[in-house]
């Protein structure tokens, strides 16, 4: 096995592990494609911002191309075909059902108000409000599925400090695994008891020991990342340092992980035993800010020499690139970024600014335009408007005018 990897080799390994080395399906995309990708990624991060589309929908589009979003909705919907549940993994995430037993240790720690596994403020609040927590649990048990806003007094002013006591109780119960997401109304969770949501064979499966669960989650992370540092592996499911200590060494001893040195990386790295290293990657994809390929920003910088920070919470006048910026992957390199907005009332995909990375190839603008056209069609928008802002903007706007969309 290799003991040293160039950065280019590490990049191709990472892209293959994340599903970018495979061509997009030529025919209709169905549950088989979805299940394969979910097994490969292990999670889809959820975020409330819908400037383009909710974050959990994008990773499938990035890898599979235009697919029916109802496919993912169905995988998270109640019924016999349910494939996903929601919990805290890499932030709030959709997870394959078989991951439920692997998260039981986190639920138990949250139930014990262990501040390493639950927001400190929420744990402190819960210690003082056990009676209300049990009252809300009883409401869900008798009325579920129910939204927090359906409970009298649960409507706060928004944000952490605006949460009502009732909303705090719902969130604590969710962390503790005593309630879970049954479905969503718009983007609002409808809660129910997990034994009424999770299939019995999964819900009643014996919970592994903490050590076994942590080993299993590290295996998932290593397969999804291909090659990774200790920090990368820990971050994927947000494991604490103490949970990884000893487990990583065990996986190395078992031959699951192979220690390697990656050119330009200061930290030691670990290669998954089944990782592929294609000779060439011919990907083309717009990436959500919360895509597993880039959600750990230091890893994106190491792999792609791509410094990336989301600027949603930055005042408009201080933003460098824009409000909701999507990296653009071409081949095995992130070559550009674009500030994008789906203006649904007007039926327009608005490309507000585009910026090329140093060394971006001459075809970057043309390839980016084609990917935007795919996105426009996927989102069901009537047209696209390109603002000539950013160093790539004028060329992109010229190409868009010269060859208007077929729609």
Protein backbone atom coordinates (compact mmCIF):
# COMPACT_ATOMS: atom_id res chain seq x y z
CA UNK A 1 0.00 0.00 0.00
CA UNK A 2 1.11 3.57 -0.57
CA UNK A 3 2.69 5.41 2.33
CA UNK A 4 2.74 8.76 0.53
CA UNK A 5 0.16 10.49 -1.63
CA UNK A 6 0.41 13.64 -3.70
CA UNK A 7 -2.28 16.21 -3.06
CA UNK A 8 -3.70 15.50 -6.52
CA UNK A 9 -3.99 11.80 -5.67
CA UNK A 10 -5.65 12.59 -2.34
CA UNK A 11 -8.09 14.87 -4.15
CA UNK A 12 -9.09 12.16 -6.62
CA UNK A 13 -9.50 9.64 -3.79
CA UNK A 14 -11.74 12.08 -1.90
CA UNK A 15 -13.84 12.83 -4.96
CA UNK A 16 -14.28 9.14 -5.75
CA UNK A 17 -15.33 8.42 -2.17
CA UNK A 18 -17.93 11.17 -2.41
CA UNK A 19 -19.37 9.88 -5.68
CA UNK A 20 -17.90 12.42 -8.10
CA UNK A 21 -15.78 9.95 -10.10
CA UNK A 22 -18.88 8.17 -11.43
CA UNK A 23 -20.75 9.55 -14.46
CA UNK A 24 -24.22 10.87 -13.81
CA UNK A 25 -27.00 8.42 -14.69
CA UNK A 26 -28.10 8.56 -18.31
CA UNK A 27 -31.66 7.45 -17.59
CA UNK A 28 -34.28 8.13 -14.94
CA UNK A 29 -33.02 8.43 -11.38
CA UNK A 30 -34.75 6.11 -8.95
CA UNK A 31 -34.54 4.73 -5.41
CA UNK A 32 -31.56 2.55 -6.28
CA UNK A 33 -29.48 5.62 -7.12
CA UNK A 34 -30.71 7.35 -3.98
CA UNK A 35 -29.94 4.39 -1.71
CA UNK A 36 -26.45 3.92 -3.14
CA UNK A 37 -25.63 7.56 -2.62
CA UNK A 38 -27.06 7.66 0.90
CA UNK A 39 -25.00 4.59 1.81
CA UNK A 40 -21.91 6.29 0.41
CA UNK A 41 -22.38 9.71 2.08
CA UNK A 42 -23.87 8.52 5.37
CA UNK A 43 -25.71 11.79 6.00
CA UNK A 44 -27.25 14.87 4.42
CA UNK A 45 -26.93 18.08 6.40
CA UNK A 46 -30.15 20.06 6.84
CA UNK A 47 -30.24 23.86 6.78
CA UNK A 48 -33.17 26.27 6.78
CA UNK A 49 -31.82 28.71 4.15
CA UNK A 50 -33.60 28.28 0.82
CA UNK A 51 -31.89 30.94 -1.27
CA UNK A 52 -31.47 28.32 -4.00
CA UNK A 53 -32.97 25.13 -2.55
CA UNK A 54 -32.86 23.55 0.90
CA UNK A 55 -29.37 22.24 1.57
CA UNK A 56 -30.25 18.53 1.82
CA UNK A 57 -31.55 18.44 -1.76
CA UNK A 58 -28.33 19.74 -3.35
CA UNK A 59 -25.80 16.93 -2.78
CA UNK A 60 -27.92 14.55 -4.85
CA UNK A 61 -28.23 17.07 -7.67
CA UNK A 62 -24.47 17.70 -7.54
CA UNK A 63 -23.74 14.00 -8.04
CA UNK A 64 -26.73 12.64 -9.97
CA UNK A 65 -27.88 15.67 -11.93
CA UNK A 66 -31.57 16.66 -12.20
CA UNK A 67 -33.57 14.22 -10.12
CA UNK A 68 -37.13 14.34 -8.76
CA UNK A 69 -36.95 15.93 -5.31
CA UNK A 70 -40.00 13.87 -4.39
CA UNK A 71 -37.59 10.91 -4.32
CA UNK A 72 -35.79 12.35 -1.31
CA UNK A 73 -39.04 13.58 0.25
CA UNK A 74 -40.40 10.04 0.03
CA UNK A 75 -37.31 8.61 1.71
CA UNK A 76 -37.97 10.87 4.72
CA UNK A 77 -41.75 10.39 4.76
CA UNK A 78 -43.75 8.09 7.05
CA UNK A 79 -44.55 4.63 5.77
CA UNK A 80 -42.98 1.38 4.70
CA UNK A 81 -40.64 3.06 2.20
CA UNK A 82 -39.09 5.37 4.77
CA UNK A 83 -35.31 5.38 4.43
CA UNK A 84 -34.21 8.35 6.56
CA UNK A 85 -34.62 9.85 10.00
CA UNK A 86 -33.47 13.18 11.45
CA UNK A 87 -30.97 13.69 14.22
CA UNK A 88 -27.88 15.64 15.22
CA UNK A 89 -24.89 14.19 13.36
CA UNK A 90 -22.92 16.77 11.38
CA UNK A 91 -25.30 19.42 12.69
CA UNK A 92 -28.97 18.57 12.01
CA UNK A 93 -28.95 15.82 9.40
CA UNK A 94 -30.92 13.21 7.54
CA UNK A 95 -29.43 9.80 8.31
CA UNK A 96 -30.13 6.31 6.94
CA UNK A 97 -32.42 4.39 9.30
CA UNK A 98 -29.74 1.81 10.08
CA UNK A 99 -27.74 4.59 11.75
CA UNK A 100 -30.37 4.96 14.53
CA UNK A 101 -28.75 2.41 16.88
CA UNK A 102 -25.35 4.05 16.29
CA UNK A 103 -26.69 7.35 17.65
CA UNK A 104 -28.27 5.96 20.81
CA UNK A 105 -25.19 6.81 22.89
CA UNK A 106 -25.54 10.47 21.89
CA UNK A 107 -29.23 10.44 22.78
CA UNK A 108 -28.43 8.93 26.18
CA UNK A 109 -25.77 11.55 26.87
CA UNK A 110 -28.14 14.32 25.81
CA UNK A 111 -30.82 12.88 28.12
CA UNK A 112 -28.27 13.07 30.94
CA UNK A 113 -27.55 16.73 30.00
CA UNK A 114 -23.97 15.91 29.09
CA UNK A 115 -22.84 19.26 27.68
CA UNK A 116 -20.40 17.56 25.30
CA UNK A 117 -23.40 16.20 23.36
CA UNK A 118 -26.04 18.92 23.70
CA UNK A 119 -26.00 22.70 23.58
CA UNK A 120 -24.74 23.95 26.92
CA UNK A 121 -27.58 26.45 27.30
CA UNK A 122 -30.20 23.81 26.50
CA UNK A 123 -28.71 21.38 29.03
CA UNK A 124 -28.70 24.05 31.73
CA UNK A 125 -32.30 24.97 30.91
CA UNK A 126 -33.39 21.31 31.03
CA UNK A 127 -32.00 20.82 34.53
CA UNK A 128 -34.39 23.49 35.77
CA UNK A 129 -37.46 22.49 33.75
CA UNK A 130 -38.05 18.76 34.09
CA UNK A 131 -41.76 19.17 34.82
CA UNK A 132 -42.41 21.11 31.61
CA UNK A 133 -40.34 18.63 29.59
CA UNK A 134 -42.49 15.75 30.81
CA UNK A 135 -45.66 17.73 30.08
CA UNK A 136 -44.56 18.36 26.49
CA UNK A 137 -43.58 14.70 26.11
CA UNK A 138 -47.08 13.72 27.24
CA UNK A 139 -48.58 16.11 24.67
CA UNK A 140 -46.57 14.52 21.86
CA UNK A 141 -47.51 11.04 23.10
CA UNK A 142 -51.21 11.88 23.03
CA UNK A 143 -51.38 14.25 20.04
CA UNK A 144 -48.47 13.34 17.78
CA UNK A 145 -47.53 14.02 15.10
CA UNK A 146 -47.53 17.61 16.31
CA UNK A 147 -45.50 20.75 15.64
CA UNK A 148 -44.01 22.83 18.43
CA UNK A 149 -46.07 25.77 17.18
CA UNK A 150 -49.27 23.76 17.73
CA UNK A 151 -48.71 23.84 21.48
CA UNK A 152 -50.02 26.88 23.32
CA UNK A 153 -47.15 29.12 24.35
CA UNK A 154 -44.62 27.50 22.02
CA UNK A 155 -44.40 30.43 19.64
CA UNK A 156 -41.34 32.48 20.55
CA UNK A 157 -39.67 35.38 18.81
CA UNK A 158 -37.28 33.22 16.75
CA UNK A 159 -33.65 32.35 17.30
CA UNK A 160 -32.16 30.73 20.40
CA UNK A 161 -32.96 33.61 22.75
CA UNK A 162 -36.44 33.93 21.26
CA UNK A 163 -37.38 30.31 21.95
CA UNK A 164 -40.28 29.81 24.29
CA UNK A 165 -39.95 27.36 27.17
CA UNK A 166 -42.15 24.93 25.24
CA UNK A 167 -39.85 25.13 22.20
CA UNK A 168 -36.85 24.47 24.46
CA UNK A 169 -38.64 21.36 25.74
CA UNK A 170 -39.27 20.06 22.21
CA UNK A 171 -35.63 20.59 21.28
CA UNK A 172 -34.37 18.85 24.42
CA UNK A 173 -36.64 15.87 23.84
CA UNK A 174 -35.41 15.66 20.24
CA UNK A 175 -31.75 15.68 21.35
CA UNK A 176 -32.53 13.03 23.94
CA UNK A 177 -34.17 10.78 21.32
CA UNK A 178 -37.45 10.70 23.23
CA UNK A 179 -39.24 12.30 20.28
CA UNK A 180 -38.25 12.43 16.63
CA UNK A 181 -39.34 13.98 13.35
CA UNK A 182 -42.39 12.25 11.94
CA UNK A 183 -42.58 14.51 8.86
CA UNK A 184 -42.42 18.20 8.02
CA UNK A 185 -45.07 20.84 7.36
CA UNK A 186 -43.24 23.14 5.00
CA UNK A 187 -39.93 23.23 6.82
CA UNK A 188 -41.43 22.87 10.29
CA UNK A 189 -40.91 19.57 12.07
CA UNK A 190 -43.89 17.48 13.12
CA UNK A 191 -42.82 15.44 16.15
CA UNK A 192 -43.89 12.00 17.29
CA UNK A 193 -42.56 9.23 19.50
CA UNK A 194 -39.69 7.34 17.83
CA UNK A 195 -41.36 3.98 18.39
CA UNK A 196 -44.16 5.21 16.10
CA UNK A 197 -41.74 6.53 13.44
CA UNK A 198 -38.71 4.24 13.36
CA UNK A 199 -39.43 0.71 12.05
CA UNK A 200 -39.62 -1.80 14.92
CA UNK A 201 -36.69 -3.89 13.68
CA UNK A 202 -34.50 -0.76 13.83
CA UNK A 203 -35.96 0.84 16.95
CA UNK A 204 -35.76 -2.39 18.95
CA UNK A 205 -32.31 -3.38 17.73
CA UNK A 206 -29.80 -3.64 20.61
CA UNK A 207 -27.79 -0.46 21.04
CA UNK A 208 -24.08 -1.12 20.50
CA UNK A 209 -21.62 -0.08 23.16
CA UNK A 210 -20.26 3.44 22.88
CA UNK A 211 -16.93 2.04 21.71
CA UNK A 212 -18.55 -0.08 18.99
CA UNK A 213 -20.76 2.82 17.86
CA UNK A 214 -17.78 5.18 17.64
CA UNK A 215 -15.78 2.62 15.64
CA UNK A 216 -18.72 2.16 13.26
CA UNK A 217 -19.17 5.91 12.79
CA UNK A 218 -15.45 6.34 12.14
CA UNK A 219 -15.70 3.60 9.50
CA UNK A 220 -18.59 5.46 7.87
CA UNK A 221 -16.57 8.68 7.92
CA UNK A 222 -13.47 7.03 6.48
CA UNK A 223 -15.42 5.43 3.61
CA UNK A 224 -17.20 8.71 2.85
CA UNK A 225 -13.97 10.73 2.88
CA UNK A 226 -11.55 8.25 1.29
CA UNK A 227 -8.48 9.84 2.82
CA UNK A 228 -8.69 12.07 5.86
CA UNK A 229 -6.98 13.48 8.90
CA UNK A 230 -7.95 12.69 12.48
CA UNK A 231 -9.86 15.99 12.55
CA UNK A 232 -11.72 15.22 9.32
CA UNK A 233 -12.80 11.81 10.60
CA UNK A 234 -13.94 13.20 13.93
CA UNK A 235 -15.81 16.11 12.35
CA UNK A 236 -17.99 14.07 9.98
CA UNK A 237 -20.29 12.91 12.80
CA UNK A 238 -19.03 15.54 15.28
CA UNK A 239 -17.39 13.04 17.61
CA UNK A 240 -15.58 14.30 20.69
CA UNK A 241 -11.81 13.77 21.01
CA UNK A 242 -12.33 11.33 23.87
CA UNK A 243 -14.67 9.23 21.73
CA UNK A 244 -12.09 8.85 18.98
CA UNK A 245 -9.12 8.15 21.27
CA UNK A 246 -8.22 4.50 20.97
CA UNK A 247 -10.86 3.78 18.32
CA UNK A 248 -8.78 5.23 15.49
CA UNK A 249 -5.76 3.18 16.55
CA UNK A 250 -7.93 0.05 16.65
CA UNK A 251 -9.10 0.62 13.08
CA UNK A 252 -5.49 1.03 11.98
CA UNK A 253 -4.52 -2.19 13.76
CA UNK A 254 -7.42 -4.02 12.11
CA UNK A 255 -6.28 -2.81 8.68
CA UNK A 256 -9.44 -0.76 8.10
CA UNK A 257 -7.40 2.45 7.97
CA UNK A 258 -3.91 2.84 6.54
CA UNK A 259 -1.67 5.66 7.80
CA UNK A 260 -0.38 7.82 4.93
CA UNK A 261 1.42 11.09 4.41
CA UNK A 262 -0.26 13.53 2.01
CA UNK A 263 1.85 16.15 0.26
CA UNK A 264 1.28 19.58 1.80
CA UNK A 265 -0.77 18.32 4.77
CA UNK A 266 0.70 19.08 8.16
CA UNK A 267 -1.35 16.40 9.91
CA UNK A 268 -1.02 12.62 9.46
CA UNK A 269 -3.70 11.11 7.26
CA UNK A 270 -5.59 7.83 7.04
CA UNK A 271 -6.59 6.04 3.85
CA UNK A 272 -9.62 3.75 3.91
CA UNK A 273 -8.68 0.23 2.83
CA UNK A 274 -11.31 0.22 0.05
CA UNK A 275 -10.63 3.73 -1.24
CA UNK A 276 -10.43 4.14 -5.02
CA UNK A 277 -7.92 6.38 -6.75
CA UNK A 278 -9.11 6.97 -10.32
CA UNK A 279 -6.60 8.21 -12.84
CA UNK A 280 -8.92 11.03 -13.78
CA UNK A 281 -12.07 12.65 -12.42
CA UNK A 282 -14.33 14.41 -14.90
CA UNK A 283 -16.89 15.92 -12.57
CA UNK A 284 -18.95 19.05 -13.10
CA UNK A 285 -21.02 20.18 -10.17
CA UNK A 286 -22.31 23.13 -8.20
CA UNK A 287 -21.96 22.43 -4.49
CA UNK A 288 -24.12 23.53 -1.58
CA UNK A 289 -22.26 25.27 1.26
CA UNK A 290 -23.17 22.24 3.42
CA UNK A 291 -22.11 19.54 0.96
CA UNK A 292 -20.01 16.83 2.69
CA UNK A 293 -17.22 17.53 0.20
CA UNK A 294 -16.71 21.05 1.56
CA UNK A 295 -18.55 21.41 4.88
CA UNK A 296 -15.28 21.00 6.77
CA UNK A 297 -13.65 24.20 5.53
CA UNK A 298 -10.05 23.40 6.44
CA UNK A 299 -10.31 20.14 4.50
CA UNK A 300 -11.61 22.00 1.43
CA UNK A 301 -8.64 24.32 1.72
CA UNK A 302 -6.17 21.43 1.99
CA UNK A 303 -7.66 19.45 -0.88
CA UNK A 304 -8.56 22.20 -3.31
CA UNK A 305 -6.61 25.28 -2.16
CA UNK A 306 -10.10 26.79 -1.80
CA UNK A 307 -10.73 29.21 1.05
CA UNK A 308 -14.46 29.15 1.70
CA UNK A 309 -16.64 30.85 4.29
CA UNK A 310 -20.40 31.32 4.08
CA UNK A 311 -21.36 34.99 4.36
CA UNK A 312 -25.07 34.73 5.16
CA UNK A 313 -24.56 36.40 8.54
CA UNK A 314 -22.08 38.99 7.23
CA UNK A 315 -23.54 42.48 6.59
CA UNK A 316 -24.15 42.93 2.86
CA UNK A 317 -21.60 45.72 2.51
CA UNK A 318 -18.88 43.53 4.03
CA UNK A 319 -19.44 40.41 1.94
CA UNK A 320 -16.59 39.43 -0.34
CA UNK A 321 -18.47 37.07 -2.66
CA UNK A 322 -22.18 37.20 -1.81
CA UNK A 323 -25.03 35.90 0.33
CA UNK A 324 -25.36 32.27 -0.82
CA UNK A 325 -22.25 31.21 -2.67
CA UNK A 326 -21.91 27.84 -4.40
CA UNK A 327 -18.46 26.40 -5.20
CA UNK A 328 -18.11 25.04 -8.74
CA UNK A 329 -16.26 21.75 -9.21
CA UNK A 330 -14.84 21.03 -12.66
CA UNK A 331 -12.75 17.94 -13.23
CA UNK A 332 -10.99 17.36 -9.93
CA UNK A 333 -10.69 21.02 -8.98
CA UNK A 334 -12.91 23.74 -7.55
CA UNK A 335 -12.44 26.38 -10.23
CA UNK A 336 -15.02 29.06 -9.38
CA UNK A 337 -17.77 30.21 -7.03
CA UNK A 338 -21.10 31.89 -7.69
CA UNK A 339 -23.62 33.88 -5.68
CA UNK A 340 -26.99 32.46 -6.71
CA UNK A 341 -30.65 32.99 -5.88
CA UNK A 342 -33.74 31.13 -7.05
CA UNK A 343 -36.38 33.83 -7.43
CA UNK A 344 -39.40 31.55 -7.43
CA UNK A 345 -42.13 34.23 -7.61
CA UNK A 346 -40.52 35.59 -10.80
CA UNK A 347 -39.52 32.16 -12.13
CA UNK A 348 -35.89 33.25 -12.49
CA UNK A 349 -32.57 31.71 -11.52
CA UNK A 350 -30.51 34.78 -10.67
CA UNK A 351 -26.74 34.43 -10.98
CA UNK A 352 -25.71 37.53 -9.03
CA UNK A 353 -21.91 37.24 -9.21
CA UNK A 354 -19.28 34.73 -10.33
CA UNK A 355 -15.60 34.53 -9.46
CA UNK A 356 -12.87 32.32 -10.93
CA UNK A 357 -10.17 30.65 -8.89
CA UNK A 358 -6.54 31.21 -9.86
CA UNK A 359 -5.65 28.83 -12.67
CA UNK A 360 -9.24 28.18 -13.72
CA UNK A 361 -9.26 26.73 -17.27
CA UNK A 362 -10.58 28.74 -20.24
CA UNK A 363 -13.75 26.64 -20.47
CA UNK A 364 -14.83 27.45 -16.91
CA UNK A 365 -17.52 30.00 -17.85
CA UNK A 366 -19.05 27.79 -20.56
CA UNK A 367 -19.14 24.72 -18.29
CA UNK A 368 -20.57 26.76 -15.42
CA UNK A 369 -23.31 28.11 -17.68
CA UNK A 370 -24.31 24.57 -18.67
CA UNK A 371 -24.52 23.55 -15.02
CA UNK A 372 -26.67 26.58 -14.25
CA UNK A 373 -29.01 25.58 -17.08
CA UNK A 374 -29.35 22.12 -15.56
CA UNK A 375 -30.11 23.72 -12.21
CA UNK A 376 -32.67 26.08 -13.74
CA UNK A 377 -34.52 23.16 -15.33
CA UNK A 378 -34.28 21.06 -12.16
CA UNK A 379 -35.80 23.86 -10.07
CA UNK A 380 -38.54 24.43 -12.65
CA UNK A 381 -37.61 28.08 -13.26
CA UNK A 382 -38.59 29.71 -16.54
CA UNK A 383 -35.39 31.60 -17.25
CA UNK A 384 -31.97 32.57 -16.00
CA UNK A 385 -30.52 36.05 -15.58
CA UNK A 386 -26.77 36.57 -15.21
CA UNK A 387 -25.39 39.74 -13.63
CA UNK A 388 -21.91 40.58 -14.99
CA UNK A 389 -20.43 40.94 -11.51
CA UNK A 390 -17.17 39.33 -10.43
CA UNK A 391 -14.16 38.54 -12.59
CA UNK A 392 -16.02 35.70 -14.32
CA UNK A 393 -19.35 37.52 -14.53
CA UNK A 394 -18.90 39.44 -17.81
CA UNK A 395 -17.90 36.34 -19.77
CA UNK A 396 -20.71 34.29 -18.24
CA UNK A 397 -23.24 37.02 -19.07
CA UNK A 398 -21.93 37.26 -22.65
CA UNK A 399 -22.23 33.50 -23.15
CA UNK A 400 -25.73 33.46 -21.65
CA UNK A 401 -26.85 36.21 -24.07
CA UNK A 402 -25.17 34.58 -27.05
CA UNK A 403 -26.83 31.23 -26.42
CA UNK A 404 -30.08 31.71 -24.53
CA UNK A 405 -31.59 28.79 -22.66
CA UNK A 406 -33.89 26.51 -24.67
CA UNK A 407 -36.64 27.21 -22.13
